[in-house]
Amino acid sequence: MFDQNTAVQQQDETRSAQEWVRILAKYRDPSLSRSWFEVAVTFGAFALLWAVAWWAMSISYWLTLGISLVNAGFLLRLFVIQHDCGHGSFFKNRHVNDWVGRVLGVVTLTPYDQWRRAHSIHHSASGNLERRGMGDIHTITVAEYQNLSARKRFKYRLYRNPITLFALGPAYVFFLENRLPLGFMNGKTYWFNSLGTNLALAIWLGTAFYFAGLAPILLIFVPSTLLAATAGVWLFYVQHQFETTNWDGEEDWQLHEAALHGSSHYVLPPVLQWMSGNIGIHHVHHLYSRVPFYRLPEVLRDHATLSDINRMSIRQSLKSVRLHLWDENSRRLVSFAHAKAL
């Protein structure tokens, strides 16, 4: 058995990304009972903590706030379930995926249909320098940065500032940008989905305001949403913004190679991994997005070689905040200071 396992591991180490796609196809089938269990547990906990936080307002606003911040973890997990529905990976039935995704889009403040479309574009173009700009963190090359005017350099540096990305950005995206189908303004489906999501959101918050005024909105809704949004943006950032990520021009770009080598394996403590729906195993997800999130650990268990690709700890991920530009010569993501030295 040892020799057989060793042989499998040695074979895995030489596989191309295209070969991995065929292997990962074996993990694509969701379990109906497991999927509904994940929805019930996560949404049930989210609703229960909302109720407990509401009750706690009669005792202490600080207690309410604390419960709301804990609930941000379950809200983040609901977003991951919505994310899997968008990939058609959570249920075998497409309509079930879509309607579960649309319902969850109300509590995640993310209209499902346009997000699904934008995220699909992100997956189909990730790592392609000629197809940047939809569903990704805006990244330019060293050469492009050096050719910018002083004003445009300032705007890009302002955009890449951690305060913009992780403090202002999440609030802007989820509270404002998501209220309109930006990028898909000519699509009736996207308008209906946006307006329907906004209407359901207004009814939810309007009911809370009717019974208890602004307190549940300011102490439960806003804190949990902001923290979940910030955590989500951070996870999305570190999934592709690390030193040895992968970017290429159209001629050299390969979809599967970019997916495997341009996405990180973000190693998190068990509690955080559960709350984030295993989304840190992002290189496997990007390579084969039809694998349900609860089967991603199964992939790493069966193919340990994948566990070592682009592996990143929390401490290592913090360093990625200092990386801003893609250096085509060294094929590294580098800092502004490094670009200036060049």
C-alpha atoms as a PDB file:
ATOM      1  CA  MET A   1       0.000   0.000   0.000  1.00  0.00           C
ATOM      2  CA  PHE A   2       2.844   2.359   0.820  1.00  0.00           C
ATOM      3  CA  ASP A   3       4.463   1.762  -2.553  1.00  0.00           C
ATOM      4  CA  GLN A   4       1.143   2.290  -4.314  1.00  0.00           C
ATOM      5  CA  ASN A   5       0.530   5.576  -2.503  1.00  0.00           C
ATOM      6  CA  THR A   6       4.058   6.726  -3.266  1.00  0.00           C
ATOM      7  CA  ALA A   7       3.594   5.909  -6.930  1.00  0.00           C
ATOM      8  CA  VAL A   8       0.321   7.876  -7.033  1.00  0.00           C
ATOM      9  CA  GLN A   9       1.974  10.872  -5.384  1.00  0.00           C
ATOM     10  CA  GLN A  10       4.901  10.793  -7.803  1.00  0.00           C
ATOM     11  CA  GLN A  11       2.468  10.636 -10.691  1.00  0.00           C
ATOM     12  CA  ASP A  12       0.471  13.571  -9.274  1.00  0.00           C
ATOM     13  CA  GLU A  13       3.612  15.699  -9.057  1.00  0.00           C
ATOM     14  CA  THR A  14       4.097  15.563 -12.822  1.00  0.00           C
ATOM     15  CA  ARG A  15       0.507  16.151 -13.886  1.00  0.00           C
ATOM     16  CA  SER A  16      -0.392  19.128 -16.037  1.00  0.00           C
ATOM     17  CA  ALA A  17      -3.320  21.378 -15.171  1.00  0.00           C
ATOM     18  CA  GLN A  18      -5.291  19.821 -18.021  1.00  0.00           C
ATOM     19  CA  GLU A  19      -4.780  16.367 -16.542  1.00  0.00           C
ATOM     20  CA  TRP A  20      -5.948  17.610 -13.151  1.00  0.00           C
ATOM     21  CA  VAL A  21      -9.200  18.788 -14.727  1.00  0.00           C
ATOM     22  CA  ARG A  22     -10.050  15.232 -15.732  1.00  0.00           C
ATOM     23  CA  ILE A  23      -9.263  13.978 -12.231  1.00  0.00           C
ATOM     24  CA  LEU A  24     -11.299  16.679 -10.489  1.00  0.00           C
ATOM     25  CA  ALA A  25     -14.320  15.842 -12.622  1.00  0.00           C
ATOM     26  CA  LYS A  26     -14.761  12.805 -10.361  1.00  0.00           C
ATOM     27  CA  TYR A  27     -15.611  15.132  -7.463  1.00  0.00           C
ATOM     28  CA  ARG A  28     -18.200  17.293  -9.199  1.00  0.00           C
ATOM     29  CA  ASP A  29     -21.390  15.506  -8.137  1.00  0.00           C
ATOM     30  CA  PRO A  30     -23.090  17.165  -5.160  1.00  0.00           C
ATOM     31  CA  SER A  31     -25.002  15.270  -2.501  1.00  0.00           C
ATOM     32  CA  LEU A  32     -28.585  16.550  -2.312  1.00  0.00           C
ATOM     33  CA  SER A  33     -28.894  15.801   1.403  1.00  0.00           C
ATOM     34  CA  ARG A  34     -25.498  17.330   2.186  1.00  0.00           C
ATOM     35  CA  SER A  35     -26.237  20.481   0.205  1.00  0.00           C
ATOM     36  CA  TRP A  36     -29.577  21.067   1.930  1.00  0.00           C
ATOM     37  CA  PHE A  37     -27.947  20.291   5.266  1.00  0.00           C
ATOM     38  CA  GLU A  38     -25.322  22.990   4.645  1.00  0.00           C
ATOM     39  CA  VAL A  39     -28.042  25.490   3.696  1.00  0.00           C
ATOM     40  CA  ALA A  40     -30.165  24.626   6.735  1.00  0.00           C
ATOM     41  CA  VAL A  41     -27.309  24.720   9.250  1.00  0.00           C
ATOM     42  CA  THR A  42     -25.843  27.974   7.936  1.00  0.00           C
ATOM     43  CA  PHE A  43     -29.070  29.881   7.342  1.00  0.00           C
ATOM     44  CA  GLY A  44     -30.579  28.487  10.539  1.00  0.00           C
ATOM     45  CA  ALA A  45     -27.617  29.699  12.600  1.00  0.00           C
ATOM     46  CA  PHE A  46     -27.701  33.081  10.835  1.00  0.00           C
ATOM     47  CA  ALA A  47     -31.438  33.556  11.558  1.00  0.00           C
ATOM     48  CA  LEU A  48     -31.084  32.334  15.136  1.00  0.00           C
ATOM     49  CA  LEU A  49     -28.224  34.727  15.890  1.00  0.00           C
ATOM     50  CA  TRP A  50     -30.243  37.568  14.353  1.00  0.00           C
ATOM     51  CA  ALA A  51     -33.080  36.710  16.764  1.00  0.00           C
ATOM     52  CA  VAL A  52     -30.746  36.394  19.757  1.00  0.00           C
ATOM     53  CA  ALA A  53     -29.062  39.698  18.897  1.00  0.00           C
ATOM     54  CA  TRP A  54     -32.507  41.334  18.680  1.00  0.00           C
ATOM     55  CA  TRP A  55     -33.436  39.935  22.085  1.00  0.00           C
ATOM     56  CA  ALA A  56     -30.102  41.095  23.513  1.00  0.00           C
ATOM     57  CA  MET A  57     -30.937  44.726  22.690  1.00  0.00           C
ATOM     58  CA  SER A  58     -33.119  44.750  25.813  1.00  0.00           C
ATOM     59  CA  ILE A  59     -30.065  43.797  27.891  1.00  0.00           C
ATOM     60  CA  SER A  60     -27.046  45.448  26.334  1.00  0.00           C
ATOM     61  CA  TYR A  61     -26.277  47.077  23.010  1.00  0.00           C
ATOM     62  CA  TRP A  62     -22.679  45.859  23.361  1.00  0.00           C
ATOM     63  CA  LEU A  63     -23.911  42.283  23.680  1.00  0.00           C
ATOM     64  CA  THR A  64     -26.033  42.772  20.570  1.00  0.00           C
ATOM     65  CA  LEU A  65     -23.036  44.106  18.682  1.00  0.00           C
ATOM     66  CA  GLY A  66     -20.866  41.185  19.784  1.00  0.00           C
ATOM     67  CA  ILE A  67     -23.449  38.629  18.621  1.00  0.00           C
ATOM     68  CA  SER A  68     -23.780  40.471  15.315  1.00  0.00           C
ATOM     69  CA  LEU A  69     -20.037  40.285  14.682  1.00  0.00           C
ATOM     70  CA  VAL A  70     -20.099  36.529  15.306  1.00  0.00           C
ATOM     71  CA  ASN A  71     -22.995  36.266  12.872  1.00  0.00           C
ATOM     72  CA  ALA A  72     -20.810  37.797  10.166  1.00  0.00           C
ATOM     73  CA  GLY A  73     -19.134  34.395   9.867  1.00  0.00           C
ATOM     74  CA  PHE A  74     -22.421  32.706   8.983  1.00  0.00           C
ATOM     75  CA  LEU A  75     -23.270  35.497   6.548  1.00  0.00           C
ATOM     76  CA  LEU A  76     -19.918  34.929   4.845  1.00  0.00           C
ATOM     77  CA  ARG A  77     -20.721  31.219   4.618  1.00  0.00           C
ATOM     78  CA  LEU A  78     -24.089  31.998   3.045  1.00  0.00           C
ATOM     79  CA  PHE A  79     -22.227  33.979   0.401  1.00  0.00           C
ATOM     80  CA  VAL A  80     -20.038  30.942  -0.333  1.00  0.00           C
ATOM     81  CA  ILE A  81     -23.166  28.805  -0.760  1.00  0.00           C
ATOM     82  CA  GLN A  82     -24.571  31.461  -3.116  1.00  0.00           C
ATOM     83  CA  HIS A  83     -21.223  31.396  -4.911  1.00  0.00           C
ATOM     84  CA  ASP A  84     -21.438  27.630  -5.430  1.00  0.00           C
ATOM     85  CA  CYS A  85     -25.016  27.979  -6.668  1.00  0.00           C
ATOM     86  CA  GLY A  86     -23.711  30.445  -9.246  1.00  0.00           C
ATOM     87  CA  HIS A  87     -21.308  27.793 -10.512  1.00  0.00           C
ATOM     88  CA  GLY A  88     -24.126  25.243 -10.695  1.00  0.00           C
ATOM     89  CA  SER A  89     -22.196  23.045  -8.287  1.00  0.00           C
ATOM     90  CA  PHE A  90     -24.375  22.998  -5.166  1.00  0.00           C
ATOM     91  CA  PHE A  91     -27.372  21.178  -6.604  1.00  0.00           C
ATOM     92  CA  LYS A  92     -27.716  19.078  -9.744  1.00  0.00           C
ATOM     93  CA  ASN A  93     -30.831  21.013 -10.751  1.00  0.00           C
ATOM     94  CA  ARG A  94     -29.978  24.370 -12.299  1.00  0.00           C
ATOM     95  CA  HIS A  95     -33.269  26.006 -11.253  1.00  0.00           C
ATOM     96  CA  VAL A  96     -32.745  24.999  -7.618  1.00  0.00           C
ATOM     97  CA  ASN A  97     -29.228  26.483  -7.741  1.00  0.00           C
ATOM     98  CA  ASP A  98     -30.551  29.721  -9.204  1.00  0.00           C
ATOM     99  CA  TRP A  99     -33.453  30.235  -6.805  1.00  0.00           C
ATOM    100  CA  VAL A 100     -31.472  29.345  -3.708  1.00  0.00           C
ATOM    101  CA  GLY A 101     -28.827  31.788  -4.966  1.00  0.00           C
ATOM    102  CA  ARG A 102     -31.393  34.529  -5.528  1.00  0.00           C
ATOM    103  CA  VAL A 103     -32.887  34.125  -2.050  1.00  0.00           C
ATOM    104  CA  LEU A 104     -29.468  34.192  -0.416  1.00  0.00           C
ATOM    105  CA  GLY A 105     -28.614  37.239  -2.520  1.00  0.00           C
ATOM    106  CA  VAL A 106     -31.036  39.259  -0.392  1.00  0.00           C
ATOM    107  CA  VAL A 107     -29.189  38.620   2.877  1.00  0.00           C
ATOM    108  CA  THR A 108     -25.743  38.906   1.231  1.00  0.00           C
ATOM    109  CA  LEU A 109     -26.759  42.146  -0.538  1.00  0.00           C
ATOM    110  CA  THR A 110     -25.596  40.597  -3.799  1.00  0.00           C
ATOM    111  CA  PRO A 111     -28.094  40.327  -6.680  1.00  0.00           C
ATOM    112  CA  TYR A 112     -27.476  36.828  -7.895  1.00  0.00           C
ATOM    113  CA  ASP A 113     -27.882  36.976 -11.671  1.00  0.00           C
ATOM    114  CA  GLN A 114     -25.437  39.764 -12.464  1.00  0.00           C
ATOM    115  CA  TRP A 115     -22.976  38.506  -9.862  1.00  0.00           C
ATOM    116  CA  ARG A 116     -23.097  35.033 -11.438  1.00  0.00           C
ATOM    117  CA  ARG A 117     -22.390  36.532 -14.864  1.00  0.00           C
ATOM    118  CA  ALA A 118     -19.552  38.758 -13.646  1.00  0.00           C
ATOM    119  CA  HIS A 119     -17.998  35.908 -11.698  1.00  0.00           C
ATOM    120  CA  SER A 120     -18.199  33.632 -14.714  1.00  0.00           C
ATOM    121  CA  ILE A 121     -16.242  36.224 -16.694  1.00  0.00           C
ATOM    122  CA  HIS A 122     -13.688  36.350 -13.886  1.00  0.00           C
ATOM    123  CA  HIS A 123     -13.187  32.587 -14.070  1.00  0.00           C
ATOM    124  CA  SER A 124     -12.914  32.563 -17.848  1.00  0.00           C
ATOM    125  CA  ALA A 125     -10.316  35.339 -17.952  1.00  0.00           C
ATOM    126  CA  SER A 126      -8.376  35.081 -14.681  1.00  0.00           C
ATOM    127  CA  GLY A 127      -4.690  35.762 -15.239  1.00  0.00           C
ATOM    128  CA  ASN A 128      -5.202  37.146 -18.755  1.00  0.00           C
ATOM    129  CA  LEU A 129      -3.620  40.586 -19.083  1.00  0.00           C
ATOM    130  CA  GLU A 130      -5.761  41.415 -22.116  1.00  0.00           C
ATOM    131  CA  ARG A 131      -9.052  40.658 -20.359  1.00  0.00           C
ATOM    132  CA  ARG A 132      -8.787  42.460 -17.032  1.00  0.00           C
ATOM    133  CA  GLY A 133     -11.521  44.569 -15.478  1.00  0.00           C
ATOM    134  CA  MET A 134     -14.506  42.360 -14.687  1.00  0.00           C
ATOM    135  CA  GLY A 135     -14.841  40.737 -11.268  1.00  0.00           C
ATOM    136  CA  ASP A 136     -11.221  41.088 -10.211  1.00  0.00           C
ATOM    137  CA  ILE A 137      -8.873  43.307  -8.213  1.00  0.00           C
ATOM    138  CA  HIS A 138      -7.555  45.809 -10.744  1.00  0.00           C
ATOM    139  CA  THR A 139      -3.874  45.069 -11.350  1.00  0.00           C
ATOM    140  CA  ILE A 140      -1.537  46.692 -13.862  1.00  0.00           C
ATOM    141  CA  THR A 141       1.994  45.836 -14.970  1.00  0.00           C
ATOM    142  CA  VAL A 142       5.166  47.666 -14.002  1.00  0.00           C
ATOM    143  CA  ALA A 143       5.520  48.955 -17.569  1.00  0.00           C
ATOM    144  CA  GLU A 144       1.941  50.228 -17.616  1.00  0.00           C
ATOM    145  CA  TYR A 145       2.459  51.984 -14.291  1.00  0.00           C
ATOM    146  CA  GLN A 146       5.652  53.663 -15.464  1.00  0.00           C
ATOM    147  CA  ASN A 147       3.820  55.029 -18.510  1.00  0.00           C
ATOM    148  CA  LEU A 148       0.995  56.561 -16.466  1.00  0.00           C
ATOM    149  CA  SER A 149       0.755  60.285 -15.790  1.00  0.00           C
ATOM    150  CA  ALA A 150       1.371  61.486 -12.242  1.00  0.00           C
ATOM    151  CA  ARG A 151      -2.380  61.917 -11.707  1.00  0.00           C
ATOM    152  CA  LYS A 152      -3.213  58.384 -12.870  1.00  0.00           C
ATOM    153  CA  ARG A 153      -0.388  56.927 -10.774  1.00  0.00           C
ATOM    154  CA  PHE A 154      -1.888  58.661  -7.743  1.00  0.00           C
ATOM    155  CA  LYS A 155      -5.351  57.242  -8.531  1.00  0.00           C
ATOM    156  CA  TYR A 156      -3.975  53.714  -8.870  1.00  0.00           C
ATOM    157  CA  ARG A 157      -1.961  53.993  -5.652  1.00  0.00           C
ATOM    158  CA  LEU A 158      -5.075  55.314  -3.895  1.00  0.00           C
ATOM    159  CA  TYR A 159      -7.087  52.373  -5.196  1.00  0.00           C
ATOM    160  CA  ARG A 160      -4.473  49.842  -4.027  1.00  0.00           C
ATOM    161  CA  ASN A 161      -4.216  51.414  -0.576  1.00  0.00           C
ATOM    162  CA  PRO A 162      -5.397  48.956   2.138  1.00  0.00           C
ATOM    163  CA  ILE A 163      -7.820  51.545   3.515  1.00  0.00           C
ATOM    164  CA  THR A 164      -9.531  51.761   0.128  1.00  0.00           C
ATOM    165  CA  LEU A 165      -9.488  48.033  -0.562  1.00  0.00           C
ATOM    166  CA  PHE A 166     -10.475  46.687   2.840  1.00  0.00           C
ATOM    167  CA  ALA A 167     -12.245  49.525   4.671  1.00  0.00           C
ATOM    168  CA  LEU A 168     -14.023  51.720   2.111  1.00  0.00           C
ATOM    169  CA  GLY A 169     -14.249  49.212  -0.719  1.00  0.00           C
ATOM    170  CA  PRO A 170     -16.455  46.547   0.904  1.00  0.00           C
ATOM    171  CA  ALA A 171     -18.993  49.142   2.102  1.00  0.00           C
ATOM    172  CA  TYR A 172     -19.119  50.758  -1.332  1.00  0.00           C
ATOM    173  CA  VAL A 173     -19.497  47.469  -3.235  1.00  0.00           C
ATOM    174  CA  PHE A 174     -22.147  45.829  -1.068  1.00  0.00           C
ATOM    175  CA  PHE A 175     -24.194  48.832   0.054  1.00  0.00           C
ATOM    176  CA  LEU A 176     -24.022  50.949  -3.124  1.00  0.00           C
ATOM    177  CA  GLU A 177     -22.566  49.282  -6.211  1.00  0.00           C
ATOM    178  CA  ASN A 178     -24.639  46.113  -5.872  1.00  0.00           C
ATOM    179  CA  ARG A 179     -27.871  48.073  -5.925  1.00  0.00           C
ATOM    180  CA  LEU A 180     -27.596  48.503  -9.706  1.00  0.00           C
ATOM    181  CA  PRO A 181     -26.569  45.987 -12.413  1.00  0.00           C
ATOM    182  CA  LEU A 182     -23.420  47.913 -13.284  1.00  0.00           C
ATOM    183  CA  GLY A 183     -21.742  46.422 -16.327  1.00  0.00           C
ATOM    184  CA  PHE A 184     -25.018  44.824 -17.439  1.00  0.00           C
ATOM    185  CA  MET A 185     -27.291  47.849 -17.664  1.00  0.00           C
ATOM    186  CA  ASN A 186     -28.852  46.705 -20.944  1.00  0.00           C
ATOM    187  CA  GLY A 187     -30.010  43.342 -19.619  1.00  0.00           C
ATOM    188  CA  LYS A 188     -33.629  43.123 -18.459  1.00  0.00           C
ATOM    189  CA  THR A 189     -32.929  39.989 -16.413  1.00  0.00           C
ATOM    190  CA  TYR A 190     -30.250  41.796 -14.421  1.00  0.00           C
ATOM    191  CA  TRP A 191     -32.506  44.800 -13.794  1.00  0.00           C
ATOM    192  CA  PHE A 192     -35.344  42.562 -12.574  1.00  0.00           C
ATOM    193  CA  ASN A 193     -32.946  40.690 -10.299  1.00  0.00           C
ATOM    194  CA  SER A 194     -31.465  43.901  -8.876  1.00  0.00           C
ATOM    195  CA  LEU A 195     -34.841  45.508  -8.272  1.00  0.00           C
ATOM    196  CA  GLY A 196     -36.274  42.302  -6.807  1.00  0.00           C
ATOM    197  CA  THR A 197     -33.314  41.929  -4.458  1.00  0.00           C
ATOM    198  CA  ASN A 198     -33.550  45.588  -3.434  1.00  0.00           C
ATOM    199  CA  LEU A 199     -37.303  45.282  -2.828  1.00  0.00           C
ATOM    200  CA  ALA A 200     -36.910  42.186  -0.648  1.00  0.00           C
ATOM    201  CA  LEU A 201     -34.087  43.904   1.233  1.00  0.00           C
ATOM    202  CA  ALA A 202     -36.241  46.993   1.770  1.00  0.00           C
ATOM    203  CA  ILE A 203     -39.104  44.849   3.127  1.00  0.00           C
ATOM    204  CA  TRP A 204     -36.735  43.037   5.505  1.00  0.00           C
ATOM    205  CA  LEU A 205     -35.142  46.208   6.865  1.00  0.00           C
ATOM    206  CA  GLY A 206     -38.419  48.135   6.777  1.00  0.00           C
ATOM    207  CA  THR A 207     -40.032  45.483   8.973  1.00  0.00           C
ATOM    208  CA  ALA A 208     -37.136  45.661  11.419  1.00  0.00           C
ATOM    209  CA  PHE A 209     -37.440  49.462  11.522  1.00  0.00           C
ATOM    210  CA  TYR A 210     -41.224  49.290  12.039  1.00  0.00           C
ATOM    211  CA  PHE A 211     -40.901  47.110  15.128  1.00  0.00           C
ATOM    212  CA  ALA A 212     -37.717  48.475  16.710  1.00  0.00           C
ATOM    213  CA  GLY A 213     -36.538  51.594  14.904  1.00  0.00           C
ATOM    214  CA  LEU A 214     -32.944  52.025  13.783  1.00  0.00           C
ATOM    215  CA  ALA A 215     -31.395  49.919  16.547  1.00  0.00           C
ATOM    216  CA  PRO A 216     -31.526  46.499  14.812  1.00  0.00           C
ATOM    217  CA  ILE A 217     -30.315  48.027  11.570  1.00  0.00           C
ATOM    218  CA  LEU A 218     -27.371  49.843  13.148  1.00  0.00           C
ATOM    219  CA  LEU A 219     -26.457  47.156  15.696  1.00  0.00           C
ATOM    220  CA  ILE A 220     -27.219  43.913  13.826  1.00  0.00           C
ATOM    221  CA  PHE A 221     -27.536  44.433  10.082  1.00  0.00           C
ATOM    222  CA  VAL A 222     -24.769  46.954   9.418  1.00  0.00           C
ATOM    223  CA  PRO A 223     -21.990  45.433  11.612  1.00  0.00           C
ATOM    224  CA  SER A 224     -22.534  41.830  10.472  1.00  0.00           C
ATOM    225  CA  THR A 225     -22.763  42.859   6.820  1.00  0.00           C
ATOM    226  CA  LEU A 226     -19.702  45.089   6.942  1.00  0.00           C
ATOM    227  CA  LEU A 227     -17.525  42.504   8.680  1.00  0.00           C
ATOM    228  CA  ALA A 228     -18.654  39.721   6.339  1.00  0.00           C
ATOM    229  CA  ALA A 229     -18.077  41.974   3.318  1.00  0.00           C
ATOM    230  CA  THR A 230     -14.602  42.926   4.522  1.00  0.00           C
ATOM    231  CA  ALA A 231     -13.693  39.288   5.159  1.00  0.00           C
ATOM    232  CA  GLY A 232     -15.033  38.354   1.729  1.00  0.00           C
ATOM    233  CA  VAL A 233     -13.032  41.055  -0.037  1.00  0.00           C
ATOM    234  CA  TRP A 234      -9.897  40.009   1.868  1.00  0.00           C
ATOM    235  CA  LEU A 235     -10.363  36.367   0.874  1.00  0.00           C
ATOM    236  CA  PHE A 236     -10.920  37.331  -2.754  1.00  0.00           C
ATOM    237  CA  TYR A 237      -7.799  39.502  -2.630  1.00  0.00           C
ATOM    238  CA  VAL A 238      -5.406  36.880  -1.284  1.00  0.00           C
ATOM    239  CA  GLN A 239      -6.795  34.242  -3.640  1.00  0.00           C
ATOM    240  CA  HIS A 240      -5.092  35.948  -6.580  1.00  0.00           C
ATOM    241  CA  GLN A 241      -2.861  38.702  -5.191  1.00  0.00           C
ATOM    242  CA  PHE A 242       0.310  36.939  -4.067  1.00  0.00           C
ATOM    243  CA  GLU A 243       3.907  37.142  -5.232  1.00  0.00           C
ATOM    244  CA  THR A 244       4.024  34.046  -7.419  1.00  0.00           C
ATOM    245  CA  THR A 245       0.575  34.371  -8.980  1.00  0.00           C
ATOM    246  CA  ASN A 246       0.176  33.967 -12.733  1.00  0.00           C
ATOM    247  CA  TRP A 247      -0.487  36.605 -15.402  1.00  0.00           C
ATOM    248  CA  ASP A 248       0.120  36.327 -19.149  1.00  0.00           C
ATOM    249  CA  GLY A 249      -0.747  38.075 -22.377  1.00  0.00           C
ATOM    250  CA  GLU A 250      -3.306  36.511 -24.701  1.00  0.00           C
ATOM    251  CA  GLU A 251      -0.698  34.604 -26.730  1.00  0.00           C
ATOM    252  CA  ASP A 252       0.799  32.786 -23.741  1.00  0.00           C
ATOM    253  CA  TRP A 253      -2.259  32.566 -21.500  1.00  0.00           C
ATOM    254  CA  GLN A 254      -3.620  29.094 -20.783  1.00  0.00           C
ATOM    255  CA  LEU A 255      -6.945  28.849 -18.956  1.00  0.00           C
ATOM    256  CA  HIS A 256      -6.199  25.829 -16.783  1.00  0.00           C
ATOM    257  CA  GLU A 257      -2.592  26.738 -16.021  1.00  0.00           C
ATOM    258  CA  ALA A 258      -3.713  30.226 -14.963  1.00  0.00           C
ATOM    259  CA  ALA A 259      -6.433  28.736 -12.764  1.00  0.00           C
ATOM    260  CA  LEU A 260      -4.119  26.305 -10.980  1.00  0.00           C
ATOM    261  CA  HIS A 261      -1.036  28.488 -10.634  1.00  0.00           C
ATOM    262  CA  GLY A 262      -2.722  31.888 -10.396  1.00  0.00           C
ATOM    263  CA  SER A 263      -4.879  31.000  -7.382  1.00  0.00           C
ATOM    264  CA  SER A 264      -3.698  30.422  -3.830  1.00  0.00           C
ATOM    265  CA  HIS A 265      -4.224  27.662  -1.307  1.00  0.00           C
ATOM    266  CA  TYR A 266      -5.031  29.779   1.742  1.00  0.00           C
ATOM    267  CA  VAL A 267      -4.493  27.625   4.826  1.00  0.00           C
ATOM    268  CA  LEU A 268      -6.825  28.695   7.632  1.00  0.00           C
ATOM    269  CA  PRO A 269      -7.599  27.365  11.137  1.00  0.00           C
ATOM    270  CA  PRO A 270     -10.461  24.808  11.075  1.00  0.00           C
ATOM    271  CA  VAL A 271     -13.098  27.246  12.392  1.00  0.00           C
ATOM    272  CA  LEU A 272     -12.249  29.887   9.797  1.00  0.00           C
ATOM    273  CA  GLN A 273     -12.038  27.291   7.058  1.00  0.00           C
ATOM    274  CA  TRP A 274     -15.551  26.111   7.953  1.00  0.00           C
ATOM    275  CA  MET A 275     -16.927  29.643   8.132  1.00  0.00           C
ATOM    276  CA  SER A 276     -15.394  30.481   4.735  1.00  0.00           C
ATOM    277  CA  GLY A 277     -16.717  27.308   3.131  1.00  0.00           C
ATOM    278  CA  ASN A 278     -13.255  25.980   2.208  1.00  0.00           C
ATOM    279  CA  ILE A 279     -12.907  28.826  -0.296  1.00  0.00           C
ATOM    280  CA  GLY A 280      -9.227  29.022   0.645  1.00  0.00           C
ATOM    281  CA  ILE A 281      -8.697  25.864  -1.434  1.00  0.00           C
ATOM    282  CA  HIS A 282      -9.058  28.268  -4.297  1.00  0.00           C
ATOM    283  CA  HIS A 283      -6.612  26.781  -6.785  1.00  0.00           C
ATOM    284  CA  VAL A 284      -8.683  23.589  -6.893  1.00  0.00           C
ATOM    285  CA  HIS A 285     -11.913  25.583  -7.111  1.00  0.00           C
ATOM    286  CA  HIS A 286     -10.634  27.704 -10.001  1.00  0.00           C
ATOM    287  CA  LEU A 287      -9.375  24.684 -11.861  1.00  0.00           C
ATOM    288  CA  TYR A 288     -12.740  22.921 -11.584  1.00  0.00           C
ATOM    289  CA  SER A 289     -15.478  25.191 -10.276  1.00  0.00           C
ATOM    290  CA  ARG A 290     -18.163  22.491 -10.398  1.00  0.00           C
ATOM    291  CA  VAL A 291     -16.746  20.795  -7.285  1.00  0.00           C
ATOM    292  CA  PRO A 292     -19.023  21.664  -4.303  1.00  0.00           C
ATOM    293  CA  PHE A 293     -17.160  23.443  -1.520  1.00  0.00           C
ATOM    294  CA  TYR A 294     -17.734  20.593   0.933  1.00  0.00           C
ATOM    295  CA  ARG A 295     -15.857  18.212  -1.393  1.00  0.00           C
ATOM    296  CA  LEU A 296     -12.732  20.367  -1.756  1.00  0.00           C
ATOM    297  CA  PRO A 297     -11.029  18.871   1.358  1.00  0.00           C
ATOM    298  CA  GLU A 298     -11.735  15.459  -0.125  1.00  0.00           C
ATOM    299  CA  VAL A 299      -9.687  16.437  -3.175  1.00  0.00           C
ATOM    300  CA  LEU A 300      -6.695  17.429  -1.023  1.00  0.00           C
ATOM    301  CA  ARG A 301      -7.035  14.264   1.024  1.00  0.00           C
ATOM    302  CA  ASP A 302      -6.851  12.094  -2.074  1.00  0.00           C
ATOM    303  CA  HIS A 303      -4.190  14.168  -3.854  1.00  0.00           C
ATOM    304  CA  ALA A 304      -1.752  15.597  -1.319  1.00  0.00           C
ATOM    305  CA  THR A 305       0.366  17.148  -4.068  1.00  0.00           C
ATOM    306  CA  LEU A 306      -2.320  19.763  -4.666  1.00  0.00           C
ATOM    307  CA  SER A 307      -2.084  20.823  -1.037  1.00  0.00           C
ATOM    308  CA  ASP A 308       1.430  22.206  -1.590  1.00  0.00           C
ATOM    309  CA  ILE A 309       0.656  24.342  -4.653  1.00  0.00           C
ATOM    310  CA  ASN A 310       0.634  28.079  -3.845  1.00  0.00           C
ATOM    311  CA  ARG A 311       0.247  27.270  -0.158  1.00  0.00           C
ATOM    312  CA  MET A 312      -0.153  30.411   1.940  1.00  0.00           C
ATOM    313  CA  SER A 313      -0.499  30.934   5.691  1.00  0.00           C
ATOM    314  CA  ILE A 314      -2.263  33.888   7.316  1.00  0.00           C
ATOM    315  CA  ARG A 315       1.093  35.441   8.205  1.00  0.00           C
ATOM    316  CA  GLN A 316       2.313  35.105   4.631  1.00  0.00           C
ATOM    317  CA  SER A 317      -0.912  36.537   3.268  1.00  0.00           C
ATOM    318  CA  LEU A 318      -0.426  39.787   5.198  1.00  0.00           C
ATOM    319  CA  LYS A 319       2.690  40.484   3.140  1.00  0.00           C
ATOM    320  CA  SER A 320       0.635  40.456  -0.053  1.00  0.00           C
ATOM    321  CA  VAL A 321      -0.838  43.840   0.886  1.00  0.00           C
ATOM    322  CA  ARG A 322       2.523  45.377  -0.071  1.00  0.00           C
ATOM    323  CA  LEU A 323       2.370  43.940  -3.609  1.00  0.00           C
ATOM    324  CA  HIS A 324       0.742  46.115  -6.256  1.00  0.00           C
ATOM    325  CA  LEU A 325       2.149  45.579  -9.762  1.00  0.00           C
ATOM    326  CA  TRP A 326       2.842  42.635 -12.061  1.00  0.00           C
ATOM    327  CA  ASP A 327       6.456  42.529 -13.232  1.00  0.00           C
ATOM    328  CA  GLU A 328       6.448  40.712 -16.576  1.00  0.00           C
ATOM    329  CA  ASN A 329      10.213  40.239 -16.514  1.00  0.00           C
ATOM    330  CA  SER A 330      10.565  38.517 -13.139  1.00  0.00           C
ATOM    331  CA  ARG A 331       7.004  37.113 -13.324  1.00  0.00           C
ATOM    332  CA  ARG A 332       6.283  38.320  -9.827  1.00  0.00           C
ATOM    333  CA  LEU A 333       3.821  40.628  -8.177  1.00  0.00           C
ATOM    334  CA  VAL A 334       5.947  43.444  -6.778  1.00  0.00           C
ATOM    335  CA  SER A 335       5.626  46.570  -4.660  1.00  0.00           C
ATOM    336  CA  PHE A 336       5.651  50.186  -5.779  1.00  0.00           C
ATOM    337  CA  ALA A 337       9.079  50.532  -4.192  1.00  0.00           C
ATOM    338  CA  HIS A 338      10.402  47.611  -6.225  1.00  0.00           C
ATOM    339  CA  ALA A 339       8.975  49.121  -9.399  1.00  0.00           C
ATOM    340  CA  LYS A 340      10.656  52.448  -8.597  1.00  0.00           C
ATOM    341  CA  ALA A 341      13.991  50.668  -8.158  1.00  0.00           C
ATOM    342  CA  LEU A 342      13.548  49.096 -11.579  1.00  0.00           C
END
